[in-house]
C-alpha atoms as a PDB file:
ATOM      1  CA  MET A   1      -4.448 -14.982 -24.171  1.00  0.00           C
ATOM      2  CA  ALA A   2      -3.007 -15.482 -20.709  1.00  0.00           C
ATOM      3  CA  TYR A   3      -0.062 -17.834 -20.375  1.00  0.00           C
ATOM      4  CA  THR A   4      -0.697 -20.999 -18.330  1.00  0.00           C
ATOM      5  CA  HIS A   5       1.573 -23.886 -17.390  1.00  0.00           C
ATOM      6  CA  ILE A   6       0.919 -27.388 -18.685  1.00  0.00           C
ATOM      7  CA  ASP A   7      -0.872 -29.377 -15.994  1.00  0.00           C
ATOM      8  CA  ARG A   8      -0.932 -33.061 -15.008  1.00  0.00           C
ATOM      9  CA  ILE A   9      -3.914 -33.997 -17.233  1.00  0.00           C
ATOM     10  CA  GLU A  10      -2.284 -32.457 -20.302  1.00  0.00           C
ATOM     11  CA  ARG A  11       0.948 -34.318 -19.607  1.00  0.00           C
ATOM     12  CA  GLN A  12      -0.953 -37.618 -19.491  1.00  0.00           C
ATOM     13  CA  LEU A  13      -2.353 -36.923 -22.950  1.00  0.00           C
ATOM     14  CA  ILE A  14       1.064 -35.845 -24.296  1.00  0.00           C
ATOM     15  CA  ALA A  15       2.599 -39.087 -22.978  1.00  0.00           C
ATOM     16  CA  ARG A  16       0.208 -41.074 -25.200  1.00  0.00           C
ATOM     17  CA  VAL A  17       1.208 -39.208 -28.349  1.00  0.00           C
ATOM     18  CA  PRO A  18       4.100 -40.732 -30.310  1.00  0.00           C
ATOM     19  CA  CYS A  19       6.642 -38.282 -31.643  1.00  0.00           C
ATOM     20  CA  PHE A  20       5.126 -37.935 -35.128  1.00  0.00           C
ATOM     21  CA  THR A  21       4.280 -34.567 -36.573  1.00  0.00           C
ATOM     22  CA  CYS A  22       0.683 -35.280 -37.502  1.00  0.00           C
ATOM     23  CA  ARG A  23      -0.267 -36.802 -34.132  1.00  0.00           C
ATOM     24  CA  VAL A  24       1.464 -34.005 -32.178  1.00  0.00           C
ATOM     25  CA  ALA A  25      -0.426 -31.413 -34.219  1.00  0.00           C
ATOM     26  CA  ASP A  26      -3.689 -33.196 -33.446  1.00  0.00           C
ATOM     27  CA  ALA A  27      -2.880 -33.219 -29.720  1.00  0.00           C
ATOM     28  CA  ALA A  28      -1.995 -29.525 -29.880  1.00  0.00           C
ATOM     29  CA  ARG A  29      -5.416 -28.746 -31.362  1.00  0.00           C
ATOM     30  CA  VAL A  30      -7.176 -30.769 -28.681  1.00  0.00           C
ATOM     31  CA  LEU A  31      -5.208 -29.047 -25.920  1.00  0.00           C
ATOM     32  CA  GLN A  32      -5.498 -25.658 -27.654  1.00  0.00           C
ATOM     33  CA  ARG A  33      -1.718 -25.316 -27.498  1.00  0.00           C
ATOM     34  CA  HIS A  34       0.869 -24.581 -30.129  1.00  0.00           C
ATOM     35  CA  ARG A  35       2.654 -27.697 -31.337  1.00  0.00           C
ATOM     36  CA  SER A  36       5.983 -26.100 -30.392  1.00  0.00           C
ATOM     37  CA  THR A  37       4.765 -26.143 -26.799  1.00  0.00           C
ATOM     38  CA  ILE A  38       4.230 -29.910 -27.022  1.00  0.00           C
ATOM     39  CA  TYR A  39       7.682 -30.506 -28.534  1.00  0.00           C
ATOM     40  CA  ARG A  40       9.313 -28.266 -25.916  1.00  0.00           C
ATOM     41  CA  GLU A  41       7.499 -30.060 -23.085  1.00  0.00           C
ATOM     42  CA  ARG A  42       8.667 -33.472 -24.310  1.00  0.00           C
ATOM     43  CA  ARG A  43      12.241 -32.249 -24.699  1.00  0.00           C
ATOM     44  CA  ARG A  44      12.513 -30.507 -21.312  1.00  0.00           C
ATOM     45  CA  ASN A  45      10.803 -33.079 -19.088  1.00  0.00           C
ATOM     46  CA  ALA A  46      11.747 -36.356 -20.732  1.00  0.00           C
ATOM     47  CA  ASP A  47      13.750 -39.006 -18.874  1.00  0.00           C
ATOM     48  CA  PRO A  48      17.493 -39.363 -19.567  1.00  0.00           C
ATOM     49  CA  ASP A  49      16.752 -42.201 -22.015  1.00  0.00           C
ATOM     50  CA  GLY A  50      14.441 -39.909 -24.000  1.00  0.00           C
ATOM     51  CA  HIS A  51      11.228 -41.586 -22.888  1.00  0.00           C
ATOM     52  CA  TYR A  52       8.422 -39.243 -21.779  1.00  0.00           C
ATOM     53  CA  ASN A  53       6.523 -40.337 -18.672  1.00  0.00           C
ATOM     54  CA  SER A  54       3.754 -38.050 -17.410  1.00  0.00           C
ATOM     55  CA  HIS A  55       4.488 -38.720 -13.720  1.00  0.00           C
ATOM     56  CA  HIS A  56       8.225 -38.095 -14.143  1.00  0.00           C
ATOM     57  CA  ALA A  57       7.545 -34.990 -16.255  1.00  0.00           C
ATOM     58  CA  GLN A  58       5.273 -33.562 -13.557  1.00  0.00           C
ATOM     59  CA  ARG A  59       7.982 -34.096 -10.940  1.00  0.00           C
ATOM     60  CA  HIS A  60      10.678 -32.488 -13.138  1.00  0.00           C
ATOM     61  CA  ALA A  61       8.458 -29.433 -13.730  1.00  0.00           C
ATOM     62  CA  ARG A  62       7.803 -28.982 -10.005  1.00  0.00           C
ATOM     63  CA  GLN A  63      11.483 -29.209  -9.136  1.00  0.00           C
ATOM     64  CA  ARG A  64      12.374 -26.623 -11.754  1.00  0.00           C
ATOM     65  CA  ARG A  65       9.660 -24.160 -10.789  1.00  0.00           C
ATOM     66  CA  LYS A  66      10.806 -21.264  -8.595  1.00  0.00           C
ATOM     67  CA  PRO A  67       9.465 -21.300  -5.035  1.00  0.00           C
ATOM     68  CA  ARG A  68       6.405 -19.187  -4.458  1.00  0.00           C
ATOM     69  CA  GLY A  69       6.270 -16.281  -2.041  1.00  0.00           C
ATOM     70  CA  SER A  70       8.703 -13.469  -1.370  1.00  0.00           C
ATOM     71  CA  VAL A  71      12.183 -13.921   0.048  1.00  0.00           C
ATOM     72  CA  LEU A  72      10.956 -12.517   3.380  1.00  0.00           C
ATOM     73  CA  GLU A  73       8.330 -15.247   3.598  1.00  0.00           C
ATOM     74  CA  ARG A  74      10.899 -17.956   2.917  1.00  0.00           C
ATOM     75  CA  ASP A  75      13.837 -16.662   4.980  1.00  0.00           C
ATOM     76  CA  GLY A  76      12.990 -16.504   8.671  1.00  0.00           C
ATOM     77  CA  SER A  77      16.256 -14.881   9.795  1.00  0.00           C
ATOM     78  CA  LEU A  78      15.993 -12.112   7.197  1.00  0.00           C
ATOM     79  CA  ARG A  79      12.354 -11.582   8.112  1.00  0.00           C
ATOM     80  CA  HIS A  80      13.342 -11.217  11.772  1.00  0.00           C
ATOM     81  CA  CYS A  81      15.997  -8.606  10.886  1.00  0.00           C
ATOM     82  CA  VAL A  82      13.511  -6.592   8.844  1.00  0.00           C
ATOM     83  CA  THR A  83      10.717  -6.659  11.427  1.00  0.00           C
ATOM     84  CA  GLU A  84      13.129  -5.713  14.212  1.00  0.00           C
ATOM     85  CA  ALA A  85      14.369  -2.764  12.141  1.00  0.00           C
ATOM     86  CA  LEU A  86      10.785  -1.707  11.413  1.00  0.00           C
ATOM     87  CA  ALA A  87      10.090  -1.758  15.144  1.00  0.00           C
ATOM     88  CA  ARG A  88      12.990   0.687  15.540  1.00  0.00           C
ATOM     89  CA  LYS A  89      11.159   2.957  13.060  1.00  0.00           C
ATOM     90  CA  LEU A  90      13.638   2.550  10.193  1.00  0.00           C
ATOM     91  CA  SER A  91      12.122   3.041   6.760  1.00  0.00           C
ATOM     92  CA  PRO A  92      12.258   0.197   4.183  1.00  0.00           C
ATOM     93  CA  GLN A  93      14.875   2.105   2.205  1.00  0.00           C
ATOM     94  CA  GLN A  94      17.029   2.551   5.305  1.00  0.00           C
ATOM     95  CA  ILE A  95      16.650  -1.145   6.146  1.00  0.00           C
ATOM     96  CA  SER A  96      17.685  -2.166   2.626  1.00  0.00           C
ATOM     97  CA  ARG A  97      20.837  -0.041   2.708  1.00  0.00           C
ATOM     98  CA  TRP A  98      21.655  -1.012   6.304  1.00  0.00           C
ATOM     99  CA  LEU A  99      21.524  -4.742   5.468  1.00  0.00           C
ATOM    100  CA  ARG A 100      23.879  -4.241   2.526  1.00  0.00           C
ATOM    101  CA  MET A 101      26.353  -2.372   4.728  1.00  0.00           C
ATOM    102  CA  GLN A 102      26.107  -4.879   7.585  1.00  0.00           C
ATOM    103  CA  TYR A 103      26.378  -7.974   5.357  1.00  0.00           C
ATOM    104  CA  PRO A 104      28.358  -6.904   2.263  1.00  0.00           C
ATOM    105  CA  ASP A 105      29.481 -10.483   1.502  1.00  0.00           C
ATOM    106  CA  ASP A 106      26.140 -12.191   2.096  1.00  0.00           C
ATOM    107  CA  PRO A 107      23.780 -11.642  -0.871  1.00  0.00           C
ATOM    108  CA  ALA A 108      21.097 -13.647   0.936  1.00  0.00           C
ATOM    109  CA  LYS A 109      20.715 -10.681   3.316  1.00  0.00           C
ATOM    110  CA  HIS A 110      20.301  -8.163   0.500  1.00  0.00           C
ATOM    111  CA  ILE A 111      16.742  -7.108  -0.254  1.00  0.00           C
ATOM    112  CA  SER A 112      15.204  -4.145  -2.033  1.00  0.00           C
ATOM    113  CA  HIS A 113      13.028  -1.609  -0.265  1.00  0.00           C
ATOM    114  CA  THR A 114      10.257  -2.448  -2.745  1.00  0.00           C
ATOM    115  CA  ALA A 115      10.175  -6.039  -1.507  1.00  0.00           C
ATOM    116  CA  ILE A 116       9.864  -4.796   2.074  1.00  0.00           C
ATOM    117  CA  TYR A 117       6.973  -2.502   1.136  1.00  0.00           C
ATOM    118  CA  ASP A 118       5.272  -5.440  -0.636  1.00  0.00           C
ATOM    119  CA  PHE A 119       5.724  -7.598   2.470  1.00  0.00           C
ATOM    120  CA  ILE A 120       4.175  -4.870   4.651  1.00  0.00           C
ATOM    121  CA  ALA A 121       1.261  -4.431   2.218  1.00  0.00           C
ATOM    122  CA  LYS A 122       0.580  -8.177   2.193  1.00  0.00           C
ATOM    123  CA  ASP A 123       0.700  -8.270   5.994  1.00  0.00           C
ATOM    124  CA  LYS A 124      -1.904  -5.492   6.125  1.00  0.00           C
ATOM    125  CA  LYS A 125      -4.128  -7.185   3.542  1.00  0.00           C
ATOM    126  CA  LEU A 126      -4.009 -10.568   5.282  1.00  0.00           C
ATOM    127  CA  ALA A 127      -4.223  -9.175   8.806  1.00  0.00           C
ATOM    128  CA  ASP A 128      -6.215 -12.083  10.252  1.00  0.00           C
ATOM    129  CA  ALA A 129      -3.882 -14.757   8.882  1.00  0.00           C
ATOM    130  CA  SER A 130      -0.650 -12.802   9.386  1.00  0.00           C
ATOM    131  CA  PRO A 131       1.536 -13.545  12.446  1.00  0.00           C
ATOM    132  CA  TYR A 132       2.024  -9.770  12.790  1.00  0.00           C
ATOM    133  CA  GLY A 133      -1.690  -9.033  12.790  1.00  0.00           C
ATOM    134  CA  GLY A 134      -1.466  -6.572   9.918  1.00  0.00           C
ATOM    135  CA  LYS A 135       0.271  -3.976  12.101  1.00  0.00           C
ATOM    136  CA  LEU A 136       3.633  -3.631  10.336  1.00  0.00           C
ATOM    137  CA  PHE A 137       2.385  -0.648   8.342  1.00  0.00           C
ATOM    138  CA  LYS A 138       2.019   1.316  11.584  1.00  0.00           C
ATOM    139  CA  HIS A 139       5.824   1.496  11.809  1.00  0.00           C
ATOM    140  CA  LEU A 140       5.999   3.459   8.534  1.00  0.00           C
ATOM    141  CA  ARG A 141       6.607   7.163   8.735  1.00  0.00           C
ATOM    142  CA  CYS A 142       3.682   8.349   6.617  1.00  0.00           C
ATOM    143  CA  GLY A 143       0.273   6.940   7.389  1.00  0.00           C
ATOM    144  CA  GLY A 144      -1.363   8.549   4.378  1.00  0.00           C
ATOM    145  CA  LYS A 145      -3.315  11.173   6.323  1.00  0.00           C
ATOM    146  CA  ARG A 146      -2.943  14.731   5.133  1.00  0.00           C
ATOM    147  CA  TYR A 147      -3.034  17.620   7.536  1.00  0.00           C
ATOM    148  CA  ARG A 148      -4.250  21.047   6.529  1.00  0.00           C
ATOM    149  CA  ARG A 149      -1.783  23.759   7.259  1.00  0.00           C
ATOM    150  CA  LYS A 150      -2.998  26.241   9.846  1.00  0.00           C
ATOM    151  CA  ARG A 151      -1.737  29.650   8.975  1.00  0.00           C
ATOM    152  CA  THR A 152      -1.058  31.963  11.877  1.00  0.00           C
ATOM    153  CA  ALA A 153      -0.056  35.568  12.021  1.00  0.00           C
ATOM    154  CA  ALA A 154       3.648  34.787  11.757  1.00  0.00           C
ATOM    155  CA  GLY A 155       5.826  37.849  11.872  1.00  0.00           C
ATOM    156  CA  ARG A 156       3.308  40.013  13.760  1.00  0.00           C
ATOM    157  CA  PHE A 157       5.055  39.324  17.045  1.00  0.00           C
ATOM    158  CA  CYS A 158       8.059  41.601  17.318  1.00  0.00           C
ATOM    159  CA  ILE A 159      11.142  39.571  18.279  1.00  0.00           C
ATOM    160  CA  PRO A 160      13.773  41.826  19.866  1.00  0.00           C
ATOM    161  CA  GLN A 161      17.209  41.885  18.203  1.00  0.00           C
ATOM    162  CA  ARG A 162      15.894  39.738  15.356  1.00  0.00           C
ATOM    163  CA  VAL A 163      18.438  39.001  12.595  1.00  0.00           C
ATOM    164  CA  GLY A 164      17.023  37.563   9.377  1.00  0.00           C
ATOM    165  CA  ILE A 165      18.333  34.433   7.687  1.00  0.00           C
ATOM    166  CA  GLU A 166      19.578  36.533   4.775  1.00  0.00           C
ATOM    167  CA  SER A 167      22.394  37.732   7.053  1.00  0.00           C
ATOM    168  CA  ARG A 168      23.546  34.200   7.802  1.00  0.00           C
ATOM    169  CA  PRO A 169      27.031  33.279   6.434  1.00  0.00           C
ATOM    170  CA  PRO A 170      26.948  31.279   3.170  1.00  0.00           C
ATOM    171  CA  GLN A 171      28.926  28.340   4.631  1.00  0.00           C
ATOM    172  CA  VAL A 172      25.954  27.602   6.881  1.00  0.00           C
ATOM    173  CA  ALA A 173      23.683  27.006   3.888  1.00  0.00           C
ATOM    174  CA  THR A 174      26.255  24.770   2.174  1.00  0.00           C
ATOM    175  CA  ARG A 175      26.815  22.675   5.329  1.00  0.00           C
ATOM    176  CA  GLN A 176      30.595  23.038   5.003  1.00  0.00           C
ATOM    177  CA  THR A 177      31.226  23.372   8.716  1.00  0.00           C
ATOM    178  CA  VAL A 178      29.708  21.957  11.885  1.00  0.00           C
ATOM    179  CA  GLY A 179      28.232  23.907  14.762  1.00  0.00           C
ATOM    180  CA  HIS A 180      25.189  25.395  13.025  1.00  0.00           C
ATOM    181  CA  PHE A 181      21.820  24.361  14.458  1.00  0.00           C
ATOM    182  CA  GLU A 182      18.167  24.695  13.551  1.00  0.00           C
ATOM    183  CA  ALA A 183      15.639  24.926  16.380  1.00  0.00           C
ATOM    184  CA  ASP A 184      11.900  24.377  16.582  1.00  0.00           C
ATOM    185  CA  THR A 185       9.171  23.309  18.997  1.00  0.00           C
ATOM    186  CA  MET A 186       6.624  20.534  18.585  1.00  0.00           C
ATOM    187  CA  HIS A 187       3.230  21.192  20.119  1.00  0.00           C
ATOM    188  CA  GLY A 188       1.154  18.517  21.809  1.00  0.00           C
ATOM    189  CA  ALA A 189      -2.496  18.239  22.780  1.00  0.00           C
ATOM    190  CA  ARG A 190      -4.485  18.919  25.956  1.00  0.00           C
ATOM    191  CA  SER A 191      -1.567  20.694  27.635  1.00  0.00           C
ATOM    192  CA  ASN A 192       0.956  23.485  27.116  1.00  0.00           C
ATOM    193  CA  ALA A 193       3.881  21.038  27.222  1.00  0.00           C
ATOM    194  CA  CYS A 194       6.010  20.770  24.101  1.00  0.00           C
ATOM    195  CA  LEU A 195       9.214  19.306  22.722  1.00  0.00           C
ATOM    196  CA  LEU A 196      12.207  21.442  21.801  1.00  0.00           C
ATOM    197  CA  THR A 197      14.227  20.039  18.881  1.00  0.00           C
ATOM    198  CA  LEU A 198      17.748  21.121  17.898  1.00  0.00           C
ATOM    199  CA  VAL A 199      19.378  19.714  14.758  1.00  0.00           C
ATOM    200  CA  GLU A 200      22.989  20.221  13.711  1.00  0.00           C
ATOM    201  CA  ARG A 201      22.880  20.928   9.970  1.00  0.00           C
ATOM    202  CA  LYS A 202      25.960  19.035   8.763  1.00  0.00           C
ATOM    203  CA  THR A 203      25.866  15.884  10.903  1.00  0.00           C
ATOM    204  CA  ARG A 204      22.049  15.859  11.503  1.00  0.00           C
ATOM    205  CA  GLN A 205      22.692  15.202  15.196  1.00  0.00           C
ATOM    206  CA  VAL A 206      19.480  15.935  17.079  1.00  0.00           C
ATOM    207  CA  PHE A 207      18.882  17.081  20.652  1.00  0.00           C
ATOM    208  CA  ILE A 208      15.367  16.806  22.110  1.00  0.00           C
ATOM    209  CA  ARG A 209      14.177  18.395  25.344  1.00  0.00           C
ATOM    210  CA  ARG A 210      10.734  18.232  26.963  1.00  0.00           C
ATOM    211  CA  CYS A 211       9.420  21.591  28.197  1.00  0.00           C
ATOM    212  CA  PRO A 212       6.418  22.164  30.509  1.00  0.00           C
ATOM    213  CA  ASN A 213       5.292  25.166  28.449  1.00  0.00           C
ATOM    214  CA  ARG A 214       6.316  27.390  25.527  1.00  0.00           C
ATOM    215  CA  ARG A 215       7.366  30.466  27.478  1.00  0.00           C
ATOM    216  CA  ALA A 216      10.471  32.138  26.094  1.00  0.00           C
ATOM    217  CA  LYS A 217      12.499  31.734  29.293  1.00  0.00           C
ATOM    218  CA  VAL A 218      11.659  28.040  29.549  1.00  0.00           C
ATOM    219  CA  ILE A 219      12.609  27.374  25.923  1.00  0.00           C
ATOM    220  CA  CYS A 220      15.800  29.398  26.304  1.00  0.00           C
ATOM    221  CA  GLY A 221      16.747  27.311  29.354  1.00  0.00           C
ATOM    222  CA  ALA A 222      16.107  24.075  27.468  1.00  0.00           C
ATOM    223  CA  ILE A 223      18.353  25.210  24.594  1.00  0.00           C
ATOM    224  CA  ALA A 224      21.057  26.178  27.077  1.00  0.00           C
ATOM    225  CA  SER A 225      20.931  22.741  28.737  1.00  0.00           C
ATOM    226  CA  ALA A 226      21.333  21.059  25.339  1.00  0.00           C
ATOM    227  CA  ILE A 227      24.264  23.079  23.980  1.00  0.00           C
ATOM    228  CA  GLU A 228      26.169  23.821  27.188  1.00  0.00           C
ATOM    229  CA  PRO A 229      28.047  20.446  27.246  1.00  0.00           C
ATOM    230  CA  LEU A 230      29.214  21.000  23.649  1.00  0.00           C
ATOM    231  CA  PRO A 231      32.591  22.514  22.798  1.00  0.00           C
ATOM    232  CA  GLN A 232      32.513  26.133  21.654  1.00  0.00           C
ATOM    233  CA  SER A 233      33.349  25.155  18.063  1.00  0.00           C
ATOM    234  CA  LEU A 234      30.162  23.065  17.951  1.00  0.00           C
ATOM    235  CA  ARG A 235      27.813  25.895  18.915  1.00  0.00           C
ATOM    236  CA  THR A 236      28.327  28.631  16.349  1.00  0.00           C
ATOM    237  CA  SER A 237      24.826  29.574  15.232  1.00  0.00           C
ATOM    238  CA  ILE A 238      21.149  28.687  15.670  1.00  0.00           C
ATOM    239  CA  THR A 239      18.368  29.354  13.158  1.00  0.00           C
ATOM    240  CA  PHE A 240      14.831  29.696  14.542  1.00  0.00           C
ATOM    241  CA  ASP A 241      11.367  30.162  13.142  1.00  0.00           C
ATOM    242  CA  ASN A 242       9.362  33.248  14.101  1.00  0.00           C
ATOM    243  CA  GLY A 243       7.581  31.831  17.141  1.00  0.00           C
ATOM    244  CA  SER A 244       7.354  33.985  20.250  1.00  0.00           C
ATOM    245  CA  GLU A 245       8.913  31.142  22.274  1.00  0.00           C
ATOM    246  CA  PHE A 246      12.307  32.130  20.830  1.00  0.00           C
ATOM    247  CA  ALA A 247      12.049  35.780  21.901  1.00  0.00           C
ATOM    248  CA  ALA A 248      14.725  35.271  24.590  1.00  0.00           C
ATOM    249  CA  HIS A 249      17.392  34.306  22.042  1.00  0.00           C
ATOM    250  CA  GLY A 250      19.450  37.310  23.134  1.00  0.00           C
ATOM    251  CA  GLN A 251      20.321  35.498  26.375  1.00  0.00           C
ATOM    252  CA  LEU A 252      21.876  32.698  24.317  1.00  0.00           C
ATOM    253  CA  ARG A 253      23.925  35.204  22.341  1.00  0.00           C
ATOM    254  CA  GLN A 254      25.341  36.723  25.520  1.00  0.00           C
ATOM    255  CA  ARG A 255      25.900  33.486  27.415  1.00  0.00           C
ATOM    256  CA  PHE A 256      27.377  31.291  24.666  1.00  0.00           C
ATOM    257  CA  ALA A 257      28.503  33.828  22.044  1.00  0.00           C
ATOM    258  CA  VAL A 258      26.308  32.010  19.537  1.00  0.00           C
ATOM    259  CA  ASP A 259      24.823  33.789  16.525  1.00  0.00           C
ATOM    260  CA  THR A 260      21.047  33.587  16.172  1.00  0.00           C
ATOM    261  CA  TYR A 261      19.047  33.948  12.955  1.00  0.00           C
ATOM    262  CA  PHE A 262      15.368  33.767  12.052  1.00  0.00           C
ATOM    263  CA  ALA A 263      13.831  32.242   8.937  1.00  0.00           C
ATOM    264  CA  ASN A 264      11.259  34.042   6.853  1.00  0.00           C
ATOM    265  CA  PRO A 265       7.558  33.507   7.674  1.00  0.00           C
ATOM    266  CA  TYR A 266       5.934  30.504   5.958  1.00  0.00           C
ATOM    267  CA  SER A 267       9.331  29.294   4.692  1.00  0.00           C
ATOM    268  CA  ALA A 268       9.750  25.892   6.296  1.00  0.00           C
ATOM    269  CA  TRP A 269      12.239  24.839   3.598  1.00  0.00           C
ATOM    270  CA  GLU A 270      14.756  27.290   5.077  1.00  0.00           C
ATOM    271  CA  ARG A 271      14.908  24.957   8.083  1.00  0.00           C
ATOM    272  CA  GLY A 272      14.528  21.712   6.146  1.00  0.00           C
ATOM    273  CA  SER A 273      16.687  19.571   8.430  1.00  0.00           C
ATOM    274  CA  ASN A 274      14.590  20.508  11.457  1.00  0.00           C
ATOM    275  CA  GLU A 275      11.298  19.904   9.681  1.00  0.00           C
ATOM    276  CA  ASN A 276      12.482  16.484   8.539  1.00  0.00           C
ATOM    277  CA  VAL A 277      13.596  15.471  12.022  1.00  0.00           C
ATOM    278  CA  ASN A 278      10.255  16.568  13.448  1.00  0.00           C
ATOM    279  CA  LYS A 279       8.597  14.095  11.087  1.00  0.00           C
ATOM    280  CA  LEU A 280      10.880  11.356  12.381  1.00  0.00           C
ATOM    281  CA  ILE A 281       9.939  12.223  15.955  1.00  0.00           C
ATOM    282  CA  ARG A 282       6.246  12.069  15.049  1.00  0.00           C
ATOM    283  CA  GLN A 283       6.710   8.339  14.432  1.00  0.00           C
ATOM    284  CA  PHE A 284       7.164   7.958  18.180  1.00  0.00           C
ATOM    285  CA  PHE A 285       4.985  10.836  19.377  1.00  0.00           C
ATOM    286  CA  PRO A 286       2.153  11.226  16.836  1.00  0.00           C
ATOM    287  CA  LYS A 287      -0.084  14.261  16.606  1.00  0.00           C
ATOM    288  CA  GLY A 288      -2.401  14.411  19.579  1.00  0.00           C
ATOM    289  CA  THR A 289       0.256  13.253  22.062  1.00  0.00           C
ATOM    290  CA  ASN A 290       0.049  14.895  25.460  1.00  0.00           C
ATOM    291  CA  PHE A 291       3.688  15.787  26.140  1.00  0.00           C
ATOM    292  CA  SER A 292       2.981  16.360  29.819  1.00  0.00           C
ATOM    293  CA  ARG A 293       2.421  12.608  30.189  1.00  0.00           C
ATOM    294  CA  ILE A 294       5.675  11.400  28.680  1.00  0.00           C
ATOM    295  CA  THR A 295       8.930  11.113  30.601  1.00  0.00           C
ATOM    296  CA  ASP A 296      12.392  12.479  29.963  1.00  0.00           C
ATOM    297  CA  GLN A 297      13.573   8.877  29.657  1.00  0.00           C
ATOM    298  CA  GLN A 298      11.187   8.305  26.745  1.00  0.00           C
ATOM    299  CA  VAL A 299      12.455  11.463  25.066  1.00  0.00           C
ATOM    300  CA  ALA A 300      16.076  10.406  25.570  1.00  0.00           C
ATOM    301  CA  ARG A 301      15.335   6.995  24.034  1.00  0.00           C
ATOM    302  CA  VAL A 302      13.804   8.577  20.926  1.00  0.00           C
ATOM    303  CA  GLN A 303      16.787  10.922  20.628  1.00  0.00           C
ATOM    304  CA  ASP A 304      19.152   7.960  20.796  1.00  0.00           C
ATOM    305  CA  LEU A 305      17.196   5.975  18.194  1.00  0.00           C
ATOM    306  CA  ILE A 306      17.192   8.856  15.707  1.00  0.00           C
ATOM    307  CA  ASN A 307      20.877   9.673  16.201  1.00  0.00           C
ATOM    308  CA  ASN A 308      21.765   6.026  15.543  1.00  0.00           C
ATOM    309  CA  ARG A 309      19.559   5.633  12.483  1.00  0.00           C
ATOM    310  CA  PRO A 310      21.290   5.431   9.060  1.00  0.00           C
ATOM    311  CA  ARG A 311      20.342   8.404   6.886  1.00  0.00           C
ATOM    312  CA  LYS A 312      20.326   8.581   3.113  1.00  0.00           C
ATOM    313  CA  CYS A 313      21.528  12.201   3.190  1.00  0.00           C
ATOM    314  CA  LEU A 314      24.625  11.004   5.120  1.00  0.00           C
ATOM    315  CA  ASP A 315      25.424   8.222   2.622  1.00  0.00           C
ATOM    316  CA  TRP A 316      23.743   5.773   5.002  1.00  0.00           C
ATOM    317  CA  HIS A 317      25.873   6.681   8.001  1.00  0.00           C
ATOM    318  CA  THR A 318      24.285   7.678  11.293  1.00  0.00           C
ATOM    319  CA  PRO A 319      24.354  11.197  12.783  1.00  0.00           C
ATOM    320  CA  ALA A 320      26.300   9.815  15.753  1.00  0.00           C
ATOM    321  CA  GLU A 321      28.977   8.445  13.407  1.00  0.00           C
ATOM    322  CA  MET A 322      29.209  11.749  11.535  1.00  0.00           C
ATOM    323  CA  LEU A 323      29.551  13.737  14.753  1.00  0.00           C
ATOM    324  CA  GLU A 324      32.235  11.326  15.972  1.00  0.00           C
ATOM    325  CA  ARG A 325      34.197  11.990  12.770  1.00  0.00           C
ATOM    326  CA  GLU A 326      34.101  15.717  13.390  1.00  0.00           C
ATOM    327  CA  PHE A 327      34.737  15.473  17.154  1.00  0.00           C
ATOM    328  CA  PRO A 328      36.388  12.200  18.224  1.00  0.00           C
ATOM    329  CA  VAL A 329      36.067  13.225  21.870  1.00  0.00           C
ATOM    330  CA  ALA A 330      32.894  11.808  23.389  1.00  0.00           C
ATOM    331  CA  LEU A 331      30.234  14.430  23.908  1.00  0.00           C
ATOM    332  CA  GLY A 332      28.312  14.599  27.126  1.00  0.00           C
ATOM    333  CA  ASP A 333      24.530  14.793  26.963  1.00  0.00           C
END
């Protein structure tokens, strides 16, 4: 049997029952309640003099009842903080941790990521009545659509001077030192333009460059423009996938004395940091984006947003903060 609260009509009947066992039992049978419920109701909602008045009891019960709705629906300032963070493409878990770090002494600002997901789900369900039009879910990273993996003939293209990832020093895999990057390209639609992404493995600092095409010389030049302002100690190695766009990696080895390695075919987990960052970038440039129609300023803005986003893998610090710890000198970009 589902539990229900005593309502106003029931309280009017209880108020007419004197506090005798037989009469209370009769009232309990009429109301289809246990007699202990009647006794408890009279004890909890009676006036200070012990008299039970149905109108006063109804008021006491309302005052004691917890407010309905989630904390985000009741607290406008907290709701504003959460929606602003969602607009900056932070995940609910990142928002929850960020609020705790920003307001450690204000429990009113602390909220679980589950509550944020529930708020987003309710906004989507009540799109017509919601002030956000049911669009908050569009800020989430995963939209629920699955993409089938298109297998290509990886490894058939012969990359000159290719060195496999198995030859990479062990400290690169353990992220003990900085200066080791992973590189990849993100393809768009309706043009040959693409995005080059470089991710530093330890700090997760990301560099994004827009390229007009995927020719090896063009990609090599974009990598050079990204790492050239960095100190030599911050450009030690780069790990690529097996795409032909990285065939000119030898020029990087000669120019910057940087070691280059290549992951195994169909082994995206060997470049996990890069794959994860590409998913973050897809929040801003979803599949089907024509990269020839975006500007370098838009790319720079996305790079800045990601580098200043708290990351769980960094104990909720940002990549920019982690890089500043390793190199206090400001880095040009």
